[in-house]
PDB file of N, CA and C in Angstrom:
ATOM      1  N   MET A   1     155.064  58.778 221.996  1.00  0.00           N
ATOM      2  CA  MET A   1     156.020  59.084 220.916  1.00  0.00           C
ATOM      3  C   MET A   1     156.111  60.553 220.645  1.00  0.00           C
ATOM      4  N   LEU A   2     155.138  61.301 221.092  1.00  0.00           N
ATOM      5  CA  LEU A   2     155.141  62.785 220.941  1.00  0.00           C
ATOM      6  C   LEU A   2     155.070  63.405 222.329  1.00  0.00           C
ATOM      7  N   PRO A   3     156.169  63.541 223.020  1.00  0.00           N
ATOM      8  CA  PRO A   3     156.134  63.928 224.439  1.00  0.00           C
ATOM      9  C   PRO A   3     155.564  65.289 224.709  1.00  0.00           C
ATOM     10  N   ASP A   4     155.474  66.177 223.808  1.00  0.00           N
ATOM     11  CA  ASP A   4     154.894  67.522 224.020  1.00  0.00           C
ATOM     12  C   ASP A   4     153.442  67.629 223.658  1.00  0.00           C
ATOM     13  N   VAL A   5     152.852  66.490 223.171  1.00  0.00           N
ATOM     14  CA  VAL A   5     151.440  66.479 222.728  1.00  0.00           C
ATOM     15  C   VAL A   5     150.673  65.776 223.827  1.00  0.00           C
ATOM     16  N   PRO A   6     149.709  66.425 224.444  1.00  0.00           N
ATOM     17  CA  PRO A   6     148.865  65.749 225.429  1.00  0.00           C
ATOM     18  C   PRO A   6     148.092  64.592 224.834  1.00  0.00           C
ATOM     19  N   THR A   7     147.837  63.575 225.608  1.00  0.00           N
ATOM     20  CA  THR A   7     147.088  62.439 225.137  1.00  0.00           C
ATOM     21  C   THR A   7     145.584  62.692 225.332  1.00  0.00           C
ATOM     22  N   VAL A   8     144.795  61.999 224.554  1.00  0.00           N
ATOM     23  CA  VAL A   8     143.355  62.097 224.697  1.00  0.00           C
ATOM     24  C   VAL A   8     142.942  61.699 226.132  1.00  0.00           C
ATOM     25  N   GLY A   9     143.607  60.697 226.678  1.00  0.00           N
ATOM     26  CA  GLY A   9     143.302  60.320 228.057  1.00  0.00           C
ATOM     27  C   GLY A   9     143.459  61.329 229.031  1.00  0.00           C
ATOM     28  N   GLU A  10     144.280  62.367 228.780  1.00  0.00           N
ATOM     29  CA  GLU A  10     144.404  63.538 229.719  1.00  0.00           C
ATOM     30  C   GLU A  10     143.156  64.391 229.686  1.00  0.00           C
ATOM     31  N   PHE A  11     142.345  64.308 228.655  1.00  0.00           N
ATOM     32  CA  PHE A  11     141.146  65.118 228.519  1.00  0.00           C
ATOM     33  C   PHE A  11     139.902  64.347 228.646  1.00  0.00           C
ATOM     34  N   VAL A  12     139.878  63.063 228.315  1.00  0.00           N
ATOM     35  CA  VAL A  12     138.736  62.199 228.415  1.00  0.00           C
ATOM     36  C   VAL A  12     138.984  61.064 229.374  1.00  0.00           C
ATOM     37  N   PRO A  13     138.518  61.185 230.556  1.00  0.00           N
ATOM     38  CA  PRO A  13     138.775  60.132 231.571  1.00  0.00           C
ATOM     39  C   PRO A  13     138.241  58.779 231.089  1.00  0.00           C
ATOM     40  N   GLY A  14     139.123  57.747 231.271  1.00  0.00           N
ATOM     41  CA  GLY A  14     138.783  56.361 230.830  1.00  0.00           C
ATOM     42  C   GLY A  14     138.949  56.085 229.348  1.00  0.00           C
ATOM     43  N   TYR A  15     139.413  57.098 228.609  1.00  0.00           N
ATOM     44  CA  TYR A  15     139.608  56.875 227.160  1.00  0.00           C
ATOM     45  C   TYR A  15     140.709  55.791 226.895  1.00  0.00           C
ATOM     46  N   GLU A  16     140.411  54.902 226.008  1.00  0.00           N
ATOM     47  CA  GLU A  16     141.320  53.848 225.621  1.00  0.00           C
ATOM     48  C   GLU A  16     140.975  53.459 224.182  1.00  0.00           C
ATOM     49  N   ALA A  17     141.936  53.385 223.354  1.00  0.00           N
ATOM     50  CA  ALA A  17     141.765  52.933 222.006  1.00  0.00           C
ATOM     51  C   ALA A  17     143.053  52.405 221.437  1.00  0.00           C
ATOM     52  N   SER A  18     142.968  51.394 220.656  1.00  0.00           N
ATOM     53  CA  SER A  18     144.165  50.838 220.036  1.00  0.00           C
ATOM     54  C   SER A  18     143.768  50.228 218.710  1.00  0.00           C
ATOM     55  N   GLY A  19     144.728  50.079 217.889  1.00  0.00           N
ATOM     56  CA  GLY A  19     144.509  49.377 216.635  1.00  0.00           C
ATOM     57  C   GLY A  19     145.351  48.115 216.631  1.00  0.00           C
ATOM     58  N   TRP A  20     144.941  47.140 215.873  1.00  0.00           N
ATOM     59  CA  TRP A  20     145.679  45.876 215.845  1.00  0.00           C
ATOM     60  C   TRP A  20     145.486  45.231 214.485  1.00  0.00           C
ATOM     61  N   SER A  21     146.390  44.329 214.180  1.00  0.00           N
ATOM     62  CA  SER A  21     146.248  43.537 212.920  1.00  0.00           C
ATOM     63  C   SER A  21     146.780  42.184 213.226  1.00  0.00           C
ATOM     64  N   GLY A  22     146.232  41.251 212.530  1.00  0.00           N
ATOM     65  CA  GLY A  22     146.607  39.837 212.653  1.00  0.00           C
ATOM     66  C   GLY A  22     147.162  39.274 211.386  1.00  0.00           C
ATOM     67  N   VAL A  23     148.306  38.685 211.416  1.00  0.00           N
ATOM     68  CA  VAL A  23     148.874  38.073 210.238  1.00  0.00           C
ATOM     69  C   VAL A  23     149.380  36.702 210.605  1.00  0.00           C
ATOM     70  N   ALA A  24     148.917  35.657 209.868  1.00  0.00           N
ATOM     71  CA  ALA A  24     149.270  34.269 210.187  1.00  0.00           C
ATOM     72  C   ALA A  24     150.719  33.931 209.837  1.00  0.00           C
ATOM     73  N   GLU A  25     151.274  33.067 210.645  1.00  0.00           N
ATOM     74  CA  GLU A  25     152.594  32.486 210.283  1.00  0.00           C
ATOM     75  C   GLU A  25     153.767  33.374 210.327  1.00  0.00           C
ATOM     76  N   ILE A  26     153.781  34.398 211.208  1.00  0.00           N
ATOM     77  CA  ILE A  26     154.959  35.265 211.346  1.00  0.00           C
ATOM     78  C   ILE A  26     155.526  35.333 212.700  1.00  0.00           C
ATOM     79  N   ASN A  27     155.067  34.432 213.670  1.00  0.00           N
ATOM     80  CA  ASN A  27     155.555  34.480 215.018  1.00  0.00           C
ATOM     81  C   ASN A  27     157.110  34.383 215.094  1.00  0.00           C
ATOM     82  N   THR A  28     157.727  33.628 214.257  1.00  0.00           N
ATOM     83  CA  THR A  28     159.196  33.440 214.285  1.00  0.00           C
ATOM     84  C   THR A  28     159.858  34.819 214.012  1.00  0.00           C
ATOM     85  N   ALA A  29     159.341  35.538 213.017  1.00  0.00           N
ATOM     86  CA  ALA A  29     159.864  36.846 212.704  1.00  0.00           C
ATOM     87  C   ALA A  29     159.650  37.819 213.844  1.00  0.00           C
ATOM     88  N   LEU A  30     158.486  37.725 214.396  1.00  0.00           N
ATOM     89  CA  LEU A  30     158.110  38.674 215.482  1.00  0.00           C
ATOM     90  C   LEU A  30     158.936  38.416 216.741  1.00  0.00           C
ATOM     91  N   ALA A  31     159.516  37.247 216.878  1.00  0.00           N
ATOM     92  CA  ALA A  31     160.384  36.933 218.007  1.00  0.00           C
ATOM     93  C   ALA A  31     161.827  37.552 217.870  1.00  0.00           C
ATOM     94  N   ASP A  32     162.144  37.998 216.646  1.00  0.00           N
ATOM     95  CA  ASP A  32     163.408  38.530 216.417  1.00  0.00           C
ATOM     96  C   ASP A  32     163.533  39.988 216.981  1.00  0.00           C
ATOM     97  N   LEU A  33     164.568  40.121 217.829  1.00  0.00           N
ATOM     98  CA  LEU A  33     164.716  41.390 218.584  1.00  0.00           C
ATOM     99  C   LEU A  33     164.827  42.600 217.726  1.00  0.00           C
ATOM    100  N   LYS A  34     165.492  42.435 216.537  1.00  0.00           N
ATOM    101  CA  LYS A  34     165.677  43.538 215.625  1.00  0.00           C
ATOM    102  C   LYS A  34     164.264  43.986 215.054  1.00  0.00           C
ATOM    103  N   ILE A  35     163.514  43.047 214.682  1.00  0.00           N
ATOM    104  CA  ILE A  35     162.162  43.299 214.143  1.00  0.00           C
ATOM    105  C   ILE A  35     161.325  43.955 215.199  1.00  0.00           C
ATOM    106  N   LYS A  36     161.327  43.426 216.422  1.00  0.00           N
ATOM    107  CA  LYS A  36     160.605  44.012 217.575  1.00  0.00           C
ATOM    108  C   LYS A  36     160.960  45.481 217.777  1.00  0.00           C
ATOM    109  N   ALA A  37     162.276  45.738 217.694  1.00  0.00           N
ATOM    110  CA  ALA A  37     162.796  47.154 217.903  1.00  0.00           C
ATOM    111  C   ALA A  37     162.314  48.027 216.781  1.00  0.00           C
ATOM    112  N   GLN A  38     162.293  47.548 215.590  1.00  0.00           N
ATOM    113  CA  GLN A  38     161.843  48.358 214.455  1.00  0.00           C
ATOM    114  C   GLN A  38     160.315  48.661 214.592  1.00  0.00           C
ATOM    115  N   LEU A  39     159.589  47.630 215.025  1.00  0.00           N
ATOM    116  CA  LEU A  39     158.142  47.890 215.237  1.00  0.00           C
ATOM    117  C   LEU A  39     157.925  48.824 216.396  1.00  0.00           C
ATOM    118  N   ALA A  40     158.737  48.733 217.458  1.00  0.00           N
ATOM    119  CA  ALA A  40     158.599  49.668 218.540  1.00  0.00           C
ATOM    120  C   ALA A  40     158.898  51.082 218.170  1.00  0.00           C
ATOM    121  N   ASP A  41     159.892  51.220 217.269  1.00  0.00           N
ATOM    122  CA  ASP A  41     160.201  52.596 216.736  1.00  0.00           C
ATOM    123  C   ASP A  41     158.961  53.189 216.018  1.00  0.00           C
ATOM    124  N   LEU A  42     158.115  52.340 215.492  1.00  0.00           N
ATOM    125  CA  LEU A  42     156.951  52.816 214.756  1.00  0.00           C
ATOM    126  C   LEU A  42     155.730  52.998 215.747  1.00  0.00           C
ATOM    127  N   GLY A  43     155.954  52.643 216.949  1.00  0.00           N
ATOM    128  CA  GLY A  43     154.912  52.856 217.997  1.00  0.00           C
ATOM    129  C   GLY A  43     154.044  51.595 218.142  1.00  0.00           C
ATOM    130  N   SER A  44     154.527  50.454 217.663  1.00  0.00           N
ATOM    131  CA  SER A  44     153.805  49.221 217.746  1.00  0.00           C
ATOM    132  C   SER A  44     154.285  48.356 218.868  1.00  0.00           C
ATOM    133  N   THR A  45     153.419  47.468 219.362  1.00  0.00           N
ATOM    134  CA  THR A  45     153.754  46.532 220.396  1.00  0.00           C
ATOM    135  C   THR A  45     153.477  45.111 219.793  1.00  0.00           C
ATOM    136  N   VAL A  46     154.417  44.217 219.857  1.00  0.00           N
ATOM    137  CA  VAL A  46     154.278  42.897 219.291  1.00  0.00           C
ATOM    138  C   VAL A  46     153.565  42.047 220.284  1.00  0.00           C
ATOM    139  N   LEU A  47     152.515  41.413 219.798  1.00  0.00           N
ATOM    140  CA  LEU A  47     151.719  40.424 220.570  1.00  0.00           C
ATOM    141  C   LEU A  47     151.620  39.158 219.748  1.00  0.00           C
ATOM    142  N   ALA A  48     152.704  38.392 219.649  1.00  0.00           N
ATOM    143  CA  ALA A  48     152.681  37.168 218.851  1.00  0.00           C
ATOM    144  C   ALA A  48     151.888  36.135 219.654  1.00  0.00           C
ATOM    145  N   GLY A  49     151.202  35.241 218.952  1.00  0.00           N
ATOM    146  CA  GLY A  49     150.415  34.207 219.565  1.00  0.00           C
ATOM    147  C   GLY A  49     149.810  33.261 218.600  1.00  0.00           C
ATOM    148  N   SER A  50     148.980  32.428 219.120  1.00  0.00           N
ATOM    149  CA  SER A  50     148.348  31.389 218.332  1.00  0.00           C
ATOM    150  C   SER A  50     147.084  31.890 217.607  1.00  0.00           C
ATOM    151  N   PRO A  51     146.596  31.153 216.615  1.00  0.00           N
ATOM    152  CA  PRO A  51     145.313  31.519 216.060  1.00  0.00           C
ATOM    153  C   PRO A  51     144.173  31.590 217.056  1.00  0.00           C
ATOM    154  N   ALA A  52     144.185  30.792 218.104  1.00  0.00           N
ATOM    155  CA  ALA A  52     143.179  30.859 219.151  1.00  0.00           C
ATOM    156  C   ALA A  52     143.306  32.157 219.905  1.00  0.00           C
ATOM    157  N   ASN A  53     144.535  32.574 220.219  1.00  0.00           N
ATOM    158  CA  ASN A  53     144.731  33.897 220.866  1.00  0.00           C
ATOM    159  C   ASN A  53     144.160  34.977 220.050  1.00  0.00           C
ATOM    160  N   CYS A  54     144.385  34.946 218.732  1.00  0.00           N
ATOM    161  CA  CYS A  54     143.948  35.975 217.788  1.00  0.00           C
ATOM    162  C   CYS A  54     142.371  35.984 217.815  1.00  0.00           C
ATOM    163  N   ALA A  55     141.785  34.771 217.736  1.00  0.00           N
ATOM    164  CA  ALA A  55     140.318  34.687 217.779  1.00  0.00           C
ATOM    165  C   ALA A  55     139.730  35.275 219.054  1.00  0.00           C
ATOM    166  N   LYS A  56     140.406  35.062 220.217  1.00  0.00           N
ATOM    167  CA  LYS A  56     139.991  35.563 221.434  1.00  0.00           C
ATOM    168  C   LYS A  56     140.074  37.111 221.422  1.00  0.00           C
ATOM    169  N   LEU A  57     141.134  37.626 220.900  1.00  0.00           N
ATOM    170  CA  LEU A  57     141.323  39.111 220.820  1.00  0.00           C
ATOM    171  C   LEU A  57     140.217  39.704 219.965  1.00  0.00           C
ATOM    172  N   ILE A  58     139.917  39.040 218.798  1.00  0.00           N
ATOM    173  CA  ILE A  58     138.867  39.555 217.946  1.00  0.00           C
ATOM    174  C   ILE A  58     137.516  39.606 218.668  1.00  0.00           C
ATOM    175  N   ALA A  59     137.206  38.510 219.395  1.00  0.00           N
ATOM    176  CA  ALA A  59     135.968  38.490 220.098  1.00  0.00           C
ATOM    177  C   ALA A  59     135.910  39.562 221.220  1.00  0.00           C
ATOM    178  N   GLN A  60     136.976  39.743 221.960  1.00  0.00           N
ATOM    179  CA  GLN A  60     137.040  40.788 222.969  1.00  0.00           C
ATOM    180  C   GLN A  60     136.874  42.151 222.426  1.00  0.00           C
ATOM    181  N   GLU A  61     137.579  42.441 221.296  1.00  0.00           N
ATOM    182  CA  GLU A  61     137.496  43.717 220.673  1.00  0.00           C
ATOM    183  C   GLU A  61     136.132  44.021 220.064  1.00  0.00           C
ATOM    184  N   THR A  62     135.518  42.940 219.512  1.00  0.00           N
ATOM    185  CA  THR A  62     134.166  43.131 218.974  1.00  0.00           C
ATOM    186  C   THR A  62     133.171  43.470 220.066  1.00  0.00           C
ATOM    187  N   GLU A  63     133.300  42.717 221.218  1.00  0.00           N
ATOM    188  CA  GLU A  63     132.429  43.004 222.315  1.00  0.00           C
ATOM    189  C   GLU A  63     132.583  44.406 222.882  1.00  0.00           C
ATOM    190  N   LYS A  64     133.904  44.806 223.076  1.00  0.00           N
ATOM    191  CA  LYS A  64     134.174  46.066 223.648  1.00  0.00           C
ATOM    192  C   LYS A  64     133.694  47.218 222.805  1.00  0.00           C
ATOM    193  N   TRP A  65     134.015  47.187 221.521  1.00  0.00           N
ATOM    194  CA  TRP A  65     133.662  48.330 220.601  1.00  0.00           C
ATOM    195  C   TRP A  65     132.157  48.267 220.269  1.00  0.00           C
ATOM    196  N   GLY A  66     131.541  47.074 220.260  1.00  0.00           N
ATOM    197  CA  GLY A  66     130.100  47.040 220.128  1.00  0.00           C
ATOM    198  C   GLY A  66     129.321  47.706 221.173  1.00  0.00           C
ATOM    199  N   LYS A  67     129.871  47.576 222.420  1.00  0.00           N
ATOM    200  CA  LYS A  67     129.307  48.230 223.606  1.00  0.00           C
ATOM    201  C   LYS A  67     129.493  49.766 223.445  1.00  0.00           C
ATOM    202  N   VAL A  68     130.658  50.172 223.001  1.00  0.00           N
ATOM    203  CA  VAL A  68     130.863  51.607 222.884  1.00  0.00           C
ATOM    204  C   VAL A  68     129.901  52.176 221.841  1.00  0.00           C
ATOM    205  N   ILE A  69     129.768  51.501 220.784  1.00  0.00           N
ATOM    206  CA  ILE A  69     128.831  51.948 219.679  1.00  0.00           C
ATOM    207  C   ILE A  69     127.381  51.997 220.202  1.00  0.00           C
ATOM    208  N   GLN A  70     126.999  50.951 220.914  1.00  0.00           N
ATOM    209  CA  GLN A  70     125.642  50.930 221.460  1.00  0.00           C
ATOM    210  C   GLN A  70     125.432  51.988 222.474  1.00  0.00           C
ATOM    211  N   ASP A  71     126.337  52.119 223.418  1.00  0.00           N
ATOM    212  CA  ASP A  71     126.187  53.135 224.513  1.00  0.00           C
ATOM    213  C   ASP A  71     126.183  54.536 223.927  1.00  0.00           C
ATOM    214  N   ALA A  72     126.897  54.796 222.827  1.00  0.00           N
ATOM    215  CA  ALA A  72     126.930  56.121 222.216  1.00  0.00           C
ATOM    216  C   ALA A  72     125.787  56.300 221.205  1.00  0.00           C
ATOM    217  N   ASN A  73     125.048  55.259 221.047  1.00  0.00           N
ATOM    218  CA  ASN A  73     123.924  55.265 220.047  1.00  0.00           C
ATOM    219  C   ASN A  73     124.386  55.723 218.689  1.00  0.00           C
ATOM    220  N   ILE A  74     125.497  55.114 218.253  1.00  0.00           N
ATOM    221  CA  ILE A  74     126.059  55.430 216.963  1.00  0.00           C
ATOM    222  C   ILE A  74     125.301  54.595 215.889  1.00  0.00           C
ATOM    223  N   LYS A  75     124.894  55.266 214.863  1.00  0.00           N
ATOM    224  CA  LYS A  75     124.183  54.594 213.785  1.00  0.00           C
ATOM    225  C   LYS A  75     124.896  54.755 212.468  1.00  0.00           C
ATOM    226  N   PRO A  76     124.801  53.805 211.536  1.00  0.00           N
ATOM    227  CA  PRO A  76     125.475  53.950 210.266  1.00  0.00           C
ATOM    228  C   PRO A  76     124.738  55.099 209.440  1.00  0.00           C
ATOM    229  N   GLU A  77     125.487  55.739 208.663  1.00  0.00           N
ATOM    230  CA  GLU A  77     124.951  56.834 207.852  1.00  0.00           C
ATOM    231  C   GLU A  77     124.635  56.296 206.450  1.00  0.00           C
TER     232      GLU A  77
END
């Protein structure tokens, strides 16, 4: 979205990060092309799916970021 600004991935090999949110019962709205376009303008990607898909994503993200935290020896302050 900012073509003149280098990405973190250009400086940190393998860098990957994303944010996500889950909201129940809005798959119909997310299928609307106008809403998808508005979200894309904000830099978002629509990943509509079932509650089971959302639970799988949460489990995957928890495992991935847990490993990052453990490998970096990050401790709560």
